[in-house]
């Protein structure tokens, strides 16, 4: 369950982050979102990919029916 990830897609002018959703420039909006995360930054596509890779590996062979939050601690309020 990924949070908003900082990917090239959120930087496209035609998408919600850049089209009326933000109150400031795109860079200021991204910096604000980074500050809101307990880990100090938004996640990247690699953060989701590494989680999926772990789930596909033998290290997670006994994991079943789990919702894994890939959100830098924002849902748990860590920080």
PDB file of N, CA and C in Angstrom:
ATOM      1  N   UNK A   1       0.849  -1.170   0.000  1.00  0.00           N
ATOM      2  CA  UNK A   1       0.000   0.000   0.000  1.00  0.00           C
ATOM      3  C   UNK A   1       0.901   1.241   0.000  1.00  0.00           C
ATOM      4  N   UNK A   2       1.295   1.671  -1.173  1.00  0.00           N
ATOM      5  CA  UNK A   2       2.197   2.824  -1.234  1.00  0.00           C
ATOM      6  C   UNK A   2       1.488   4.149  -0.991  1.00  0.00           C
ATOM      7  N   UNK A   3       2.223   5.048  -0.399  1.00  0.00           N
ATOM      8  CA  UNK A   3       1.810   6.430  -0.238  1.00  0.00           C
ATOM      9  C   UNK A   3       2.124   7.137  -1.567  1.00  0.00           C
ATOM     10  N   UNK A   4       1.911   8.421  -1.637  1.00  0.00           N
ATOM     11  CA  UNK A   4       2.280   9.169  -2.828  1.00  0.00           C
ATOM     12  C   UNK A   4       3.790   9.052  -3.026  1.00  0.00           C
ATOM     13  N   UNK A   5       4.183   8.595  -4.182  1.00  0.00           N
ATOM     14  CA  UNK A   5       5.595   8.418  -4.489  1.00  0.00           C
ATOM     15  C   UNK A   5       6.087   9.568  -5.356  1.00  0.00           C
ATOM     16  N   UNK A   6       7.336   9.935  -5.151  1.00  0.00           N
ATOM     17  CA  UNK A   6       7.958  10.996  -5.941  1.00  0.00           C
ATOM     18  C   UNK A   6       8.521  10.352  -7.209  1.00  0.00           C
ATOM     19  N   UNK A   7       7.748  10.411  -8.261  1.00  0.00           N
ATOM     20  CA  UNK A   7       8.129   9.830  -9.538  1.00  0.00           C
ATOM     21  C   UNK A   7       8.039  10.901 -10.616  1.00  0.00           C
ATOM     22  N   UNK A   8       8.596  10.645 -11.781  1.00  0.00           N
ATOM     23  CA  UNK A   8       8.453  11.618 -12.871  1.00  0.00           C
ATOM     24  C   UNK A   8       6.995  11.930 -13.196  1.00  0.00           C
ATOM     25  N   UNK A   9       6.112  10.989 -12.925  1.00  0.00           N
ATOM     26  CA  UNK A   9       4.692  11.194 -13.235  1.00  0.00           C
ATOM     27  C   UNK A   9       4.092  12.366 -12.443  1.00  0.00           C
ATOM     28  N   UNK A  10       4.476  12.541 -11.179  1.00  0.00           N
ATOM     29  CA  UNK A  10       3.899  13.636 -10.395  1.00  0.00           C
ATOM     30  C   UNK A  10       4.445  14.992 -10.830  1.00  0.00           C
ATOM     31  N   UNK A  11       5.479  14.992 -11.653  1.00  0.00           N
ATOM     32  CA  UNK A  11       6.061  16.249 -12.135  1.00  0.00           C
ATOM     33  C   UNK A  11       5.470  16.702 -13.471  1.00  0.00           C
ATOM     34  N   UNK A  12       4.598  15.884 -14.065  1.00  0.00           N
ATOM     35  CA  UNK A  12       3.994  16.256 -15.341  1.00  0.00           C
ATOM     36  C   UNK A  12       2.955  17.350 -15.111  1.00  0.00           C
ATOM     37  N   UNK A  13       3.046  18.429 -15.869  1.00  0.00           N
ATOM     38  CA  UNK A  13       2.139  19.560 -15.670  1.00  0.00           C
ATOM     39  C   UNK A  13       0.660  19.224 -15.809  1.00  0.00           C
ATOM     40  N   UNK A  14       0.329  18.188 -16.534  1.00  0.00           N
ATOM     41  CA  UNK A  14      -1.080  17.891 -16.775  1.00  0.00           C
ATOM     42  C   UNK A  14      -1.724  17.080 -15.653  1.00  0.00           C
ATOM     43  N   UNK A  15      -0.961  16.673 -14.635  1.00  0.00           N
ATOM     44  CA  UNK A  15      -1.503  15.833 -13.568  1.00  0.00           C
ATOM     45  C   UNK A  15      -1.898  16.653 -12.344  1.00  0.00           C
ATOM     46  N   UNK A  16      -2.571  16.008 -11.409  1.00  0.00           N
ATOM     47  CA  UNK A  16      -3.190  16.690 -10.272  1.00  0.00           C
ATOM     48  C   UNK A  16      -2.209  17.486  -9.427  1.00  0.00           C
ATOM     49  N   UNK A  17      -1.011  16.986  -9.179  1.00  0.00           N
ATOM     50  CA  UNK A  17      -0.081  17.733  -8.334  1.00  0.00           C
ATOM     51  C   UNK A  17       0.233  19.099  -8.922  1.00  0.00           C
ATOM     52  N   UNK A  18       0.295  19.180 -10.230  1.00  0.00           N
ATOM     53  CA  UNK A  18       0.656  20.440 -10.876  1.00  0.00           C
ATOM     54  C   UNK A  18      -0.551  21.200 -11.407  1.00  0.00           C
ATOM     55  N   UNK A  19      -1.724  20.650 -11.309  1.00  0.00           N
ATOM     56  CA  UNK A  19      -2.901  21.264 -11.924  1.00  0.00           C
ATOM     57  C   UNK A  19      -3.977  21.573 -10.884  1.00  0.00           C
ATOM     58  N   UNK A  20      -3.760  22.646 -10.124  1.00  0.00           N
ATOM     59  CA  UNK A  20      -4.782  23.093  -9.190  1.00  0.00           C
ATOM     60  C   UNK A  20      -4.722  22.442  -7.821  1.00  0.00           C
ATOM     61  N   UNK A  21      -3.960  21.383  -7.652  1.00  0.00           N
ATOM     62  CA  UNK A  21      -3.885  20.707  -6.358  1.00  0.00           C
ATOM     63  C   UNK A  21      -2.928  21.412  -5.419  1.00  0.00           C
ATOM     64  N   UNK A  22      -1.892  21.932  -5.970  1.00  0.00           N
ATOM     65  CA  UNK A  22      -0.872  22.558  -5.137  1.00  0.00           C
ATOM     66  C   UNK A  22      -1.166  24.038  -4.932  1.00  0.00           C
ATOM     67  N   UNK A  23      -0.683  24.533  -3.811  1.00  0.00           N
ATOM     68  CA  UNK A  23      -0.872  25.948  -3.496  1.00  0.00           C
ATOM     69  C   UNK A  23       0.331  26.779  -3.908  1.00  0.00           C
ATOM     70  N   UNK A  24       1.469  26.125  -4.130  1.00  0.00           N
ATOM     71  CA  UNK A  24       2.704  26.824  -4.458  1.00  0.00           C
ATOM     72  C   UNK A  24       3.312  26.188  -5.705  1.00  0.00           C
ATOM     73  N   UNK A  25       4.580  26.491  -5.952  1.00  0.00           N
ATOM     74  CA  UNK A  25       5.248  25.871  -7.093  1.00  0.00           C
ATOM     75  C   UNK A  25       5.387  24.371  -6.864  1.00  0.00           C
ATOM     76  N   UNK A  26       5.651  23.641  -7.909  1.00  0.00           N
ATOM     77  CA  UNK A  26       5.809  22.194  -7.802  1.00  0.00           C
ATOM     78  C   UNK A  26       6.936  21.844  -6.840  1.00  0.00           C
ATOM     79  N   UNK A  27       8.053  22.553  -6.922  1.00  0.00           N
ATOM     80  CA  UNK A  27       9.188  22.276  -6.038  1.00  0.00           C
ATOM     81  C   UNK A  27       8.825  22.517  -4.579  1.00  0.00           C
ATOM     82  N   UNK A  28       8.094  23.601  -4.304  1.00  0.00           N
ATOM     83  CA  UNK A  28       7.669  23.881  -2.928  1.00  0.00           C
ATOM     84  C   UNK A  28       6.676  22.832  -2.434  1.00  0.00           C
ATOM     85  N   UNK A  29       5.793  22.385  -3.309  1.00  0.00           N
ATOM     86  CA  UNK A  29       4.820  21.356  -2.939  1.00  0.00           C
ATOM     87  C   UNK A  29       5.520  20.048  -2.623  1.00  0.00           C
ATOM     88  N   UNK A  30       6.494  19.659  -3.457  1.00  0.00           N
ATOM     89  CA  UNK A  30       7.237  18.429  -3.203  1.00  0.00           C
ATOM     90  C   UNK A  30       8.040  18.528  -1.899  1.00  0.00           C
ATOM     91  N   UNK A  31       8.635  19.687  -1.644  1.00  0.00           N
ATOM     92  CA  UNK A  31       9.391  19.882  -0.396  1.00  0.00           C
ATOM     93  C   UNK A  31       8.456  19.791   0.817  1.00  0.00           C
ATOM     94  N   UNK A  32       7.255  20.337   0.701  1.00  0.00           N
ATOM     95  CA  UNK A  32       6.275  20.254   1.791  1.00  0.00           C
ATOM     96  C   UNK A  32       5.879  18.801   2.045  1.00  0.00           C
ATOM     97  N   UNK A  33       5.640  18.050   0.979  1.00  0.00           N
ATOM     98  CA  UNK A  33       5.293  16.640   1.124  1.00  0.00           C
ATOM     99  C   UNK A  33       6.452  15.852   1.746  1.00  0.00           C
ATOM    100  N   UNK A  34       7.678  16.196   1.386  1.00  0.00           N
ATOM    101  CA  UNK A  34       8.837  15.549   2.016  1.00  0.00           C
ATOM    102  C   UNK A  34       8.838  15.803   3.519  1.00  0.00           C
ATOM    103  N   UNK A  35       8.576  17.028   3.934  1.00  0.00           N
ATOM    104  CA  UNK A  35       8.576  17.383   5.359  1.00  0.00           C
ATOM    105  C   UNK A  35       7.459  16.692   6.126  1.00  0.00           C
ATOM    106  N   UNK A  36       6.363  16.353   5.462  1.00  0.00           N
ATOM    107  CA  UNK A  36       5.235  15.702   6.125  1.00  0.00           C
ATOM    108  C   UNK A  36       5.531  14.238   6.460  1.00  0.00           C
ATOM    109  N   UNK A  37       6.482  13.634   5.801  1.00  0.00           N
ATOM    110  CA  UNK A  37       6.798  12.224   6.027  1.00  0.00           C
ATOM    111  C   UNK A  37       7.756  12.091   7.200  1.00  0.00           C
ATOM    112  N   UNK A  38       7.497  11.156   8.118  1.00  0.00           N
ATOM    113  CA  UNK A  38       8.400  10.943   9.244  1.00  0.00           C
ATOM    114  C   UNK A  38       9.837  10.627   8.820  1.00  0.00           C
ATOM    115  N   UNK A  39      10.017  10.013   7.668  1.00  0.00           N
ATOM    116  CA  UNK A  39      11.362   9.704   7.186  1.00  0.00           C
ATOM    117  C   UNK A  39      12.004  10.885   6.459  1.00  0.00           C
ATOM    118  N   UNK A  40      11.260  11.976   6.320  1.00  0.00           N
ATOM    119  CA  UNK A  40      11.822  13.192   5.743  1.00  0.00           C
ATOM    120  C   UNK A  40      11.813  13.263   4.230  1.00  0.00           C
ATOM    121  N   UNK A  41      11.198  12.292   3.582  1.00  0.00           N
ATOM    122  CA  UNK A  41      11.127  12.323   2.118  1.00  0.00           C
ATOM    123  C   UNK A  41       9.982  11.453   1.651  1.00  0.00           C
ATOM    124  N   UNK A  42       9.457  11.786   0.481  1.00  0.00           N
ATOM    125  CA  UNK A  42       8.476  10.911  -0.155  1.00  0.00           C
ATOM    126  C   UNK A  42       9.213   9.679  -0.665  1.00  0.00           C
ATOM    127  N   UNK A  43       8.477   8.614  -0.824  1.00  0.00           N
ATOM    128  CA  UNK A  43       9.070   7.408  -1.375  1.00  0.00           C
ATOM    129  C   UNK A  43       9.321   7.548  -2.861  1.00  0.00           C
ATOM    130  N   UNK A  44      10.100   6.616  -3.367  1.00  0.00           N
ATOM    131  CA  UNK A  44      10.390   6.552  -4.784  1.00  0.00           C
ATOM    132  C   UNK A  44       9.864   5.225  -5.323  1.00  0.00           C
ATOM    133  N   UNK A  45       9.811   5.096  -6.615  1.00  0.00           N
ATOM    134  CA  UNK A  45       9.341   3.857  -7.227  1.00  0.00           C
ATOM    135  C   UNK A  45      10.160   2.667  -6.745  1.00  0.00           C
ATOM    136  N   UNK A  46      11.448   2.872  -6.488  1.00  0.00           N
ATOM    137  CA  UNK A  46      12.297   1.775  -6.004  1.00  0.00           C
ATOM    138  C   UNK A  46      11.847   1.274  -4.644  1.00  0.00           C
ATOM    139  N   UNK A  47      11.301   2.134  -3.804  1.00  0.00           N
ATOM    140  CA  UNK A  47      10.819   1.701  -2.496  1.00  0.00           C
ATOM    141  C   UNK A  47       9.688   0.685  -2.644  1.00  0.00           C
ATOM    142  N   UNK A  48       8.807   0.910  -3.589  1.00  0.00           N
ATOM    143  CA  UNK A  48       7.718  -0.031  -3.863  1.00  0.00           C
ATOM    144  C   UNK A  48       8.279  -1.286  -4.525  1.00  0.00           C
ATOM    145  N   UNK A  49       9.198  -1.102  -5.470  1.00  0.00           N
ATOM    146  CA  UNK A  49       9.785  -2.243  -6.181  1.00  0.00           C
ATOM    147  C   UNK A  49      10.525  -3.171  -5.224  1.00  0.00           C
ATOM    148  N   UNK A  50      11.294  -2.612  -4.284  1.00  0.00           N
ATOM    149  CA  UNK A  50      12.022  -3.456  -3.336  1.00  0.00           C
ATOM    150  C   UNK A  50      11.075  -4.212  -2.407  1.00  0.00           C
ATOM    151  N   UNK A  51       9.949  -3.611  -2.070  1.00  0.00           N
ATOM    152  CA  UNK A  51       8.956  -4.310  -1.258  1.00  0.00           C
ATOM    153  C   UNK A  51       8.369  -5.482  -2.032  1.00  0.00           C
ATOM    154  N   UNK A  52       8.033  -5.258  -3.285  1.00  0.00           N
ATOM    155  CA  UNK A  52       7.500  -6.333  -4.129  1.00  0.00           C
ATOM    156  C   UNK A  52       8.540  -7.430  -4.329  1.00  0.00           C
ATOM    157  N   UNK A  53       9.796  -7.028  -4.491  1.00  0.00           N
ATOM    158  CA  UNK A  53      10.876  -7.999  -4.651  1.00  0.00           C
ATOM    159  C   UNK A  53      11.018  -8.861  -3.402  1.00  0.00           C
ATOM    160  N   UNK A  54      10.931  -8.242  -2.237  1.00  0.00           N
ATOM    161  CA  UNK A  54      10.988  -8.990  -0.981  1.00  0.00           C
ATOM    162  C   UNK A  54       9.827  -9.976  -0.893  1.00  0.00           C
ATOM    163  N   UNK A  55       8.629  -9.528  -1.252  1.00  0.00           N
ATOM    164  CA  UNK A  55       7.470 -10.417  -1.214  1.00  0.00           C
ATOM    165  C   UNK A  55       7.622 -11.603  -2.168  1.00  0.00           C
ATOM    166  N   UNK A  56       8.318 -11.404  -3.265  1.00  0.00           N
ATOM    167  CA  UNK A  56       8.522 -12.477  -4.229  1.00  0.00           C
ATOM    168  C   UNK A  56       9.694 -13.391  -3.861  1.00  0.00           C
ATOM    169  N   UNK A  57      10.423 -13.021  -2.819  1.00  0.00           N
ATOM    170  CA  UNK A  57      11.615 -13.787  -2.442  1.00  0.00           C
ATOM    171  C   UNK A  57      11.303 -14.848  -1.388  1.00  0.00           C
ATOM    172  N   UNK A  58      12.259 -15.734  -1.163  1.00  0.00           N
ATOM    173  CA  UNK A  58      12.118 -16.761  -0.127  1.00  0.00           C
ATOM    174  C   UNK A  58      12.089 -16.162   1.280  1.00  0.00           C
ATOM    175  N   UNK A  59      12.632 -14.958   1.456  1.00  0.00           N
ATOM    176  CA  UNK A  59      12.638 -14.329   2.776  1.00  0.00           C
ATOM    177  C   UNK A  59      11.229 -14.062   3.300  1.00  0.00           C
ATOM    178  N   UNK A  60      10.253 -13.977   2.412  1.00  0.00           N
ATOM    179  CA  UNK A  60       8.878 -13.718   2.846  1.00  0.00           C
ATOM    180  C   UNK A  60       7.975 -14.936   2.650  1.00  0.00           C
ATOM    181  N   UNK A  61       8.567 -16.116   2.579  1.00  0.00           N
ATOM    182  CA  UNK A  61       7.792 -17.309   2.216  1.00  0.00           C
ATOM    183  C   UNK A  61       6.692 -17.671   3.204  1.00  0.00           C
ATOM    184  N   UNK A  62       6.719 -17.150   4.409  1.00  0.00           N
ATOM    185  CA  UNK A  62       5.686 -17.460   5.389  1.00  0.00           C
ATOM    186  C   UNK A  62       4.726 -16.287   5.606  1.00  0.00           C
ATOM    187  N   UNK A  63       4.833 -15.279   4.796  1.00  0.00           N
ATOM    188  CA  UNK A  63       3.964 -14.108   4.875  1.00  0.00           C
ATOM    189  C   UNK A  63       2.703 -14.381   4.066  1.00  0.00           C
ATOM    190  N   UNK A  64       1.544 -14.187   4.701  1.00  0.00           N
ATOM    191  CA  UNK A  64       0.272 -14.363   4.008  1.00  0.00           C
ATOM    192  C   UNK A  64      -0.675 -13.236   4.411  1.00  0.00           C
ATOM    193  N   UNK A  65      -1.540 -12.880   3.526  1.00  0.00           N
ATOM    194  CA  UNK A  65      -2.619 -11.922   3.806  1.00  0.00           C
ATOM    195  C   UNK A  65      -2.144 -10.682   4.551  1.00  0.00           C
ATOM    196  N   UNK A  66      -1.123 -10.042   4.047  1.00  0.00           N
ATOM    197  CA  UNK A  66      -0.576  -8.858   4.708  1.00  0.00           C
ATOM    198  C   UNK A  66      -0.787  -7.621   3.851  1.00  0.00           C
ATOM    199  N   UNK A  67      -1.075  -6.526   4.498  1.00  0.00           N
ATOM    200  CA  UNK A  67      -1.083  -5.220   3.839  1.00  0.00           C
ATOM    201  C   UNK A  67       0.173  -4.510   4.307  1.00  0.00           C
ATOM    202  N   UNK A  68       1.073  -4.282   3.394  1.00  0.00           N
ATOM    203  CA  UNK A  68       2.351  -3.678   3.743  1.00  0.00           C
ATOM    204  C   UNK A  68       2.316  -2.210   3.349  1.00  0.00           C
ATOM    205  N   UNK A  69       2.452  -1.361   4.342  1.00  0.00           N
ATOM    206  CA  UNK A  69       2.442   0.077   4.110  1.00  0.00           C
ATOM    207  C   UNK A  69       3.833   0.506   3.645  1.00  0.00           C
ATOM    208  N   UNK A  70       3.918   1.049   2.458  1.00  0.00           N
ATOM    209  CA  UNK A  70       5.170   1.580   1.924  1.00  0.00           C
ATOM    210  C   UNK A  70       4.985   3.090   1.879  1.00  0.00           C
ATOM    211  N   UNK A  71       5.077   3.707   3.072  1.00  0.00           N
ATOM    212  CA  UNK A  71       4.704   5.111   3.194  1.00  0.00           C
ATOM    213  C   UNK A  71       5.640   5.937   4.071  1.00  0.00           C
ATOM    214  N   UNK A  72       6.782   5.399   4.429  1.00  0.00           N
ATOM    215  CA  UNK A  72       7.729   6.172   5.229  1.00  0.00           C
ATOM    216  C   UNK A  72       7.236   6.473   6.632  1.00  0.00           C
ATOM    217  N   UNK A  73       6.254   5.731   7.112  1.00  0.00           N
ATOM    218  CA  UNK A  73       5.768   5.891   8.485  1.00  0.00           C
ATOM    219  C   UNK A  73       4.619   6.852   8.649  1.00  0.00           C
ATOM    220  N   UNK A  74       4.094   7.451   7.594  1.00  0.00           N
ATOM    221  CA  UNK A  74       3.053   8.460   7.731  1.00  0.00           C
ATOM    222  C   UNK A  74       1.749   7.872   8.288  1.00  0.00           C
ATOM    223  N   UNK A  75       1.379   6.666   7.864  1.00  0.00           N
ATOM    224  CA  UNK A  75       0.144   6.061   8.337  1.00  0.00           C
ATOM    225  C   UNK A  75       0.230   5.712   9.829  1.00  0.00           C
ATOM    226  N   UNK A  76       1.390   5.247  10.248  1.00  0.00           N
ATOM    227  CA  UNK A  76       1.571   4.860  11.650  1.00  0.00           C
ATOM    228  C   UNK A  76       1.836   6.070  12.540  1.00  0.00           C
ATOM    229  N   UNK A  77       2.090   7.227  11.954  1.00  0.00           N
ATOM    230  CA  UNK A  77       2.372   8.419  12.741  1.00  0.00           C
ATOM    231  C   UNK A  77       3.719   8.369  13.411  1.00  0.00           C
ATOM    232  N   UNK A  78       4.653   7.632  12.815  1.00  0.00           N
ATOM    233  CA  UNK A  78       6.001   7.514  13.375  1.00  0.00           C
ATOM    234  C   UNK A  78       6.750   8.808  13.107  1.00  0.00           C
ATOM    235  N   UNK A  79       7.504   9.228  14.074  1.00  0.00           N
ATOM    236  CA  UNK A  79       8.357  10.385  13.815  1.00  0.00           C
ATOM    237  C   UNK A  79       8.369  11.404  14.860  1.00  0.00           C
TER     238      UNK A  79
END
